Amino acid sequence: MSIITPVASDTAVVTLEDVLLSFRACAPVFNALGDKYRQDIVMLLAQDERLNVNQIAERMPLSRPAISHHLKVLLQANLIQLERVSRENFYSLTLEAALAGLRQLVERAEVSCT
């Protein structure tokens, strides 16, 4: 599946395989953000910067175990980070890597798929 698409001489050649690799790399982000509750958690963290499970549970119609599950998925997708302070776990957004991967996917798709 190495179909090479010609591009401008000052730009690297991007293949459809490169696009597929970018899709695969972004799959955890798509999976994580495909759920409305995880989207809500991301928005809460965007607003408050750092929250623990109890603080998130107070603002959502979900049980603590359900919130913990959603936080685990967001952690695995590298959309949030965990900071342990004493006996509490605090969560905050870390979107830089995910956004960089999504940008790369869009750029590769623009070059190879249009």
N, C-alpha and C. Protein backbone atom coordinates (compact mmCIF):
# COMPACT_ATOMS: atom_id res chain seq x y z
N MET A 1 0.82 -1.19 0.00
CA MET A 1 0.00 0.00 0.00
C MET A 1 0.86 1.25 0.00
N SER A 2 1.94 1.27 -0.70
CA SER A 2 2.84 2.42 -0.77
C SER A 2 2.59 3.22 -2.03
N ILE A 3 1.48 3.90 -2.06
CA ILE A 3 1.17 4.75 -3.19
C ILE A 3 1.78 6.11 -2.92
N ILE A 4 2.69 6.52 -3.77
CA ILE A 4 3.38 7.79 -3.56
C ILE A 4 2.65 8.88 -4.32
N THR A 5 2.38 9.94 -3.61
CA THR A 5 1.71 11.08 -4.20
C THR A 5 2.73 12.18 -4.39
N PRO A 6 2.90 12.68 -5.62
CA PRO A 6 3.85 13.76 -5.83
C PRO A 6 3.37 15.03 -5.14
N VAL A 7 4.30 15.75 -4.56
CA VAL A 7 4.00 17.01 -3.91
C VAL A 7 5.05 18.03 -4.34
N ALA A 8 4.88 19.24 -3.87
CA ALA A 8 5.83 20.30 -4.23
C ALA A 8 7.25 19.89 -3.84
N SER A 9 8.21 20.38 -4.58
CA SER A 9 9.59 19.96 -4.40
C SER A 9 10.17 20.29 -3.02
N ASP A 10 9.64 21.31 -2.34
CA ASP A 10 10.16 21.66 -1.02
C ASP A 10 9.46 20.90 0.11
N THR A 11 8.54 20.01 -0.23
CA THR A 11 7.79 19.24 0.76
C THR A 11 8.14 17.77 0.60
N ALA A 12 8.25 17.06 1.72
CA ALA A 12 8.55 15.63 1.69
C ALA A 12 7.40 14.87 1.05
N VAL A 13 7.72 13.76 0.44
CA VAL A 13 6.71 12.91 -0.17
C VAL A 13 5.98 12.16 0.94
N VAL A 14 4.66 12.22 0.90
CA VAL A 14 3.83 11.55 1.89
C VAL A 14 3.03 10.49 1.18
N THR A 15 3.08 9.27 1.69
CA THR A 15 2.35 8.16 1.08
C THR A 15 1.05 7.93 1.83
N LEU A 16 0.18 7.16 1.20
CA LEU A 16 -1.06 6.77 1.88
C LEU A 16 -0.76 5.92 3.11
N GLU A 17 0.33 5.20 3.07
CA GLU A 17 0.74 4.42 4.25
C GLU A 17 1.09 5.36 5.41
N ASP A 18 1.70 6.50 5.10
CA ASP A 18 1.98 7.51 6.13
C ASP A 18 0.68 8.01 6.75
N VAL A 19 -0.32 8.24 5.91
CA VAL A 19 -1.63 8.69 6.40
C VAL A 19 -2.24 7.62 7.30
N LEU A 20 -2.17 6.37 6.87
CA LEU A 20 -2.71 5.28 7.67
C LEU A 20 -2.00 5.19 9.02
N LEU A 21 -0.68 5.33 9.02
CA LEU A 21 0.07 5.31 10.28
C LEU A 21 -0.37 6.44 11.21
N SER A 22 -0.63 7.60 10.64
CA SER A 22 -1.11 8.73 11.45
C SER A 22 -2.50 8.45 12.00
N PHE A 23 -3.37 7.85 11.17
CA PHE A 23 -4.70 7.45 11.66
C PHE A 23 -4.56 6.50 12.84
N ARG A 24 -3.71 5.50 12.69
CA ARG A 24 -3.51 4.51 13.76
C ARG A 24 -2.98 5.16 15.04
N ALA A 25 -2.07 6.11 14.88
CA ALA A 25 -1.50 6.79 16.04
C ALA A 25 -2.55 7.64 16.76
N CYS A 26 -3.51 8.16 16.01
CA CYS A 26 -4.56 9.01 16.58
C CYS A 26 -5.76 8.22 17.09
N ALA A 27 -5.81 6.92 16.84
CA ALA A 27 -6.97 6.11 17.22
C ALA A 27 -7.32 6.23 18.71
N PRO A 28 -6.35 6.19 19.63
CA PRO A 28 -6.72 6.34 21.04
C PRO A 28 -7.38 7.69 21.35
N VAL A 29 -6.96 8.73 20.67
CA VAL A 29 -7.56 10.06 20.86
C VAL A 29 -8.99 10.06 20.35
N PHE A 30 -9.20 9.49 19.15
CA PHE A 30 -10.56 9.41 18.60
C PHE A 30 -11.46 8.59 19.52
N ASN A 31 -10.94 7.47 20.01
CA ASN A 31 -11.71 6.62 20.92
C ASN A 31 -12.06 7.38 22.20
N ALA A 32 -11.07 8.04 22.77
CA ALA A 32 -11.28 8.75 24.03
C ALA A 32 -12.29 9.88 23.88
N LEU A 33 -12.20 10.62 22.80
CA LEU A 33 -13.06 11.78 22.62
C LEU A 33 -14.39 11.44 21.96
N GLY A 34 -14.58 10.16 21.65
CA GLY A 34 -15.84 9.72 21.05
C GLY A 34 -16.97 9.54 22.05
N ASP A 35 -16.68 9.73 23.31
CA ASP A 35 -17.68 9.54 24.36
C ASP A 35 -18.05 10.89 24.95
N LYS A 36 -19.34 11.16 25.10
CA LYS A 36 -19.77 12.48 25.57
C LYS A 36 -19.33 12.78 27.00
N TYR A 37 -19.25 11.75 27.85
CA TYR A 37 -18.82 11.98 29.22
C TYR A 37 -17.33 12.33 29.28
N ARG A 38 -16.54 11.70 28.43
CA ARG A 38 -15.12 12.05 28.39
C ARG A 38 -14.94 13.45 27.82
N GLN A 39 -15.78 13.82 26.87
CA GLN A 39 -15.74 15.19 26.36
C GLN A 39 -16.06 16.17 27.49
N ASP A 40 -17.06 15.82 28.30
CA ASP A 40 -17.42 16.68 29.44
C ASP A 40 -16.27 16.79 30.44
N ILE A 41 -15.59 15.69 30.70
CA ILE A 41 -14.44 15.72 31.63
C ILE A 41 -13.34 16.62 31.08
N VAL A 42 -13.06 16.51 29.78
CA VAL A 42 -12.05 17.38 29.16
C VAL A 42 -12.45 18.84 29.33
N MET A 43 -13.73 19.14 29.12
CA MET A 43 -14.18 20.53 29.25
C MET A 43 -14.10 21.01 30.71
N LEU A 44 -14.41 20.14 31.67
CA LEU A 44 -14.25 20.51 33.08
C LEU A 44 -12.79 20.84 33.39
N LEU A 45 -11.88 20.00 32.90
CA LEU A 45 -10.46 20.23 33.15
C LEU A 45 -9.95 21.47 32.41
N ALA A 46 -10.52 21.77 31.27
CA ALA A 46 -10.15 22.99 30.55
C ALA A 46 -10.57 24.22 31.36
N GLN A 47 -11.68 24.10 32.07
CA GLN A 47 -12.20 25.21 32.86
C GLN A 47 -11.48 25.36 34.19
N ASP A 48 -11.22 24.24 34.86
CA ASP A 48 -10.69 24.30 36.22
C ASP A 48 -9.22 23.90 36.34
N GLU A 49 -8.60 23.50 35.28
CA GLU A 49 -7.18 23.15 35.21
C GLU A 49 -6.78 21.89 35.94
N ARG A 50 -7.27 21.67 37.17
CA ARG A 50 -6.84 20.51 37.94
C ARG A 50 -7.96 20.09 38.89
N LEU A 51 -8.40 18.83 38.75
CA LEU A 51 -9.49 18.32 39.58
C LEU A 51 -9.19 16.90 40.03
N ASN A 52 -9.76 16.51 41.18
CA ASN A 52 -9.68 15.11 41.59
C ASN A 52 -11.00 14.41 41.24
N VAL A 53 -11.06 13.12 41.47
CA VAL A 53 -12.24 12.34 41.08
C VAL A 53 -13.49 12.87 41.78
N ASN A 54 -13.38 13.18 43.06
CA ASN A 54 -14.55 13.68 43.80
C ASN A 54 -15.07 14.99 43.21
N GLN A 55 -14.17 15.88 42.86
CA GLN A 55 -14.58 17.16 42.28
C GLN A 55 -15.26 16.95 40.93
N ILE A 56 -14.77 16.01 40.15
CA ILE A 56 -15.40 15.70 38.87
C ILE A 56 -16.77 15.06 39.10
N ALA A 57 -16.85 14.14 40.07
CA ALA A 57 -18.10 13.43 40.37
C ALA A 57 -19.20 14.39 40.83
N GLU A 58 -18.82 15.46 41.54
CA GLU A 58 -19.79 16.44 42.00
C GLU A 58 -20.46 17.17 40.84
N ARG A 59 -19.81 17.20 39.70
CA ARG A 59 -20.31 17.98 38.55
C ARG A 59 -20.85 17.12 37.42
N MET A 60 -20.87 15.81 37.62
CA MET A 60 -21.32 14.91 36.55
C MET A 60 -22.31 13.89 37.08
N PRO A 61 -23.19 13.41 36.22
CA PRO A 61 -24.20 12.42 36.64
C PRO A 61 -23.69 10.99 36.57
N LEU A 62 -22.46 10.77 37.01
CA LEU A 62 -21.84 9.45 36.94
C LEU A 62 -21.30 9.05 38.31
N SER A 63 -21.18 7.75 38.52
CA SER A 63 -20.59 7.25 39.75
C SER A 63 -19.08 7.48 39.73
N ARG A 64 -18.46 7.43 40.89
CA ARG A 64 -17.00 7.55 40.96
C ARG A 64 -16.30 6.47 40.15
N PRO A 65 -16.75 5.19 40.23
CA PRO A 65 -16.09 4.17 39.41
C PRO A 65 -16.20 4.45 37.91
N ALA A 66 -17.34 4.97 37.48
CA ALA A 66 -17.50 5.30 36.06
C ALA A 66 -16.56 6.44 35.67
N ILE A 67 -16.45 7.43 36.52
CA ILE A 67 -15.54 8.54 36.24
C ILE A 67 -14.10 8.04 36.20
N SER A 68 -13.74 7.18 37.12
CA SER A 68 -12.39 6.61 37.13
C SER A 68 -12.09 5.86 35.83
N HIS A 69 -13.09 5.14 35.33
CA HIS A 69 -12.91 4.44 34.04
C HIS A 69 -12.66 5.44 32.92
N HIS A 70 -13.45 6.49 32.86
CA HIS A 70 -13.28 7.50 31.81
C HIS A 70 -11.93 8.20 31.94
N LEU A 71 -11.50 8.46 33.16
CA LEU A 71 -10.18 9.07 33.36
C LEU A 71 -9.07 8.15 32.88
N LYS A 72 -9.24 6.85 33.11
CA LYS A 72 -8.24 5.88 32.65
C LYS A 72 -8.11 5.92 31.12
N VAL A 73 -9.24 5.97 30.42
CA VAL A 73 -9.22 6.04 28.96
C VAL A 73 -8.54 7.32 28.50
N LEU A 74 -8.85 8.44 29.14
CA LEU A 74 -8.22 9.71 28.79
C LEU A 74 -6.72 9.69 29.07
N LEU A 75 -6.32 9.05 30.16
CA LEU A 75 -4.90 8.90 30.47
C LEU A 75 -4.18 8.07 29.41
N GLN A 76 -4.80 6.97 29.00
CA GLN A 76 -4.19 6.09 28.00
C GLN A 76 -4.03 6.80 26.66
N ALA A 77 -4.90 7.76 26.38
CA ALA A 77 -4.82 8.52 25.13
C ALA A 77 -3.89 9.73 25.28
N ASN A 78 -3.27 9.87 26.45
CA ASN A 78 -2.37 11.00 26.73
C ASN A 78 -3.06 12.36 26.59
N LEU A 79 -4.35 12.41 26.92
CA LEU A 79 -5.08 13.67 26.89
C LEU A 79 -5.07 14.36 28.25
N ILE A 80 -4.82 13.58 29.30
CA ILE A 80 -4.73 14.13 30.64
C ILE A 80 -3.52 13.53 31.33
N GLN A 81 -3.13 14.17 32.42
CA GLN A 81 -2.05 13.64 33.24
C GLN A 81 -2.53 13.54 34.68
N LEU A 82 -1.88 12.70 35.43
CA LEU A 82 -2.21 12.47 36.82
C LEU A 82 -1.08 12.98 37.70
N GLU A 83 -1.44 13.70 38.74
CA GLU A 83 -0.45 14.17 39.71
C GLU A 83 -0.92 13.73 41.09
N ARG A 84 -0.09 12.97 41.75
CA ARG A 84 -0.43 12.48 43.09
C ARG A 84 0.05 13.50 44.12
N VAL A 85 -0.87 13.99 44.94
CA VAL A 85 -0.56 14.93 46.02
C VAL A 85 -1.10 14.30 47.30
N SER A 86 -0.17 13.88 48.13
CA SER A 86 -0.51 13.15 49.36
C SER A 86 -1.29 11.90 48.98
N ARG A 87 -2.55 11.82 49.38
CA ARG A 87 -3.35 10.63 49.04
C ARG A 87 -4.36 10.90 47.93
N GLU A 88 -4.28 12.05 47.33
CA GLU A 88 -5.22 12.45 46.28
C GLU A 88 -4.57 12.39 44.90
N ASN A 89 -5.36 11.98 43.92
CA ASN A 89 -4.94 12.04 42.51
C ASN A 89 -5.62 13.23 41.86
N PHE A 90 -4.84 14.11 41.28
CA PHE A 90 -5.38 15.25 40.56
C PHE A 90 -5.11 15.07 39.08
N TYR A 91 -6.08 15.46 38.27
CA TYR A 91 -6.01 15.31 36.83
C TYR A 91 -6.00 16.68 36.17
N SER A 92 -5.21 16.80 35.10
CA SER A 92 -5.16 18.03 34.32
C SER A 92 -4.95 17.66 32.85
N LEU A 93 -5.29 18.61 31.98
CA LEU A 93 -5.16 18.38 30.54
C LEU A 93 -3.70 18.39 30.10
N THR A 94 -3.40 17.54 29.14
CA THR A 94 -2.10 17.55 28.46
C THR A 94 -2.37 17.26 26.99
N LEU A 95 -2.82 18.25 26.29
CA LEU A 95 -3.28 18.07 24.91
C LEU A 95 -2.19 18.21 23.86
N GLU A 96 -1.01 18.66 24.24
CA GLU A 96 0.02 19.00 23.24
C GLU A 96 0.34 17.83 22.31
N ALA A 97 0.62 16.66 22.86
CA ALA A 97 1.00 15.51 22.03
C ALA A 97 -0.15 15.06 21.15
N ALA A 98 -1.36 15.04 21.71
CA ALA A 98 -2.53 14.63 20.93
C ALA A 98 -2.78 15.61 19.79
N LEU A 99 -2.68 16.89 20.09
CA LEU A 99 -2.90 17.89 19.04
C LEU A 99 -1.83 17.81 17.96
N ALA A 100 -0.60 17.55 18.35
CA ALA A 100 0.48 17.40 17.37
C ALA A 100 0.20 16.21 16.45
N GLY A 101 -0.25 15.11 17.02
CA GLY A 101 -0.59 13.94 16.21
C GLY A 101 -1.74 14.21 15.26
N LEU A 102 -2.76 14.91 15.75
CA LEU A 102 -3.91 15.25 14.90
C LEU A 102 -3.50 16.21 13.78
N ARG A 103 -2.64 17.19 14.11
CA ARG A 103 -2.14 18.10 13.07
C ARG A 103 -1.39 17.34 11.99
N GLN A 104 -0.55 16.39 12.43
CA GLN A 104 0.21 15.60 11.46
C GLN A 104 -0.73 14.79 10.57
N LEU A 105 -1.75 14.21 11.15
CA LEU A 105 -2.73 13.46 10.37
C LEU A 105 -3.39 14.35 9.32
N VAL A 106 -3.84 15.51 9.73
CA VAL A 106 -4.50 16.44 8.81
C VAL A 106 -3.55 16.86 7.70
N GLU A 107 -2.33 17.20 8.06
CA GLU A 107 -1.35 17.62 7.04
C GLU A 107 -1.06 16.50 6.05
N ARG A 108 -0.87 15.29 6.56
CA ARG A 108 -0.60 14.16 5.68
C ARG A 108 -1.80 13.86 4.78
N ALA A 109 -2.98 13.93 5.34
CA ALA A 109 -4.19 13.66 4.56
C ALA A 109 -4.38 14.72 3.48
N GLU A 110 -4.10 15.97 3.82
CA GLU A 110 -4.22 17.04 2.83
C GLU A 110 -3.29 16.82 1.65
N VAL A 111 -2.08 16.35 1.93
CA VAL A 111 -1.09 16.14 0.87
C VAL A 111 -1.42 14.89 0.06
N SER A 112 -1.80 13.82 0.71
CA SER A 112 -1.95 12.53 0.02
C SER A 112 -3.35 12.20 -0.45
N CYS A 113 -4.36 12.75 0.18
CA CYS A 113 -5.72 12.29 -0.08
C CYS A 113 -6.56 13.30 -0.86
N THR A 114 -5.99 14.43 -1.24
CA THR A 114 -6.79 15.41 -1.98
C THR A 114 -6.31 15.54 -3.40
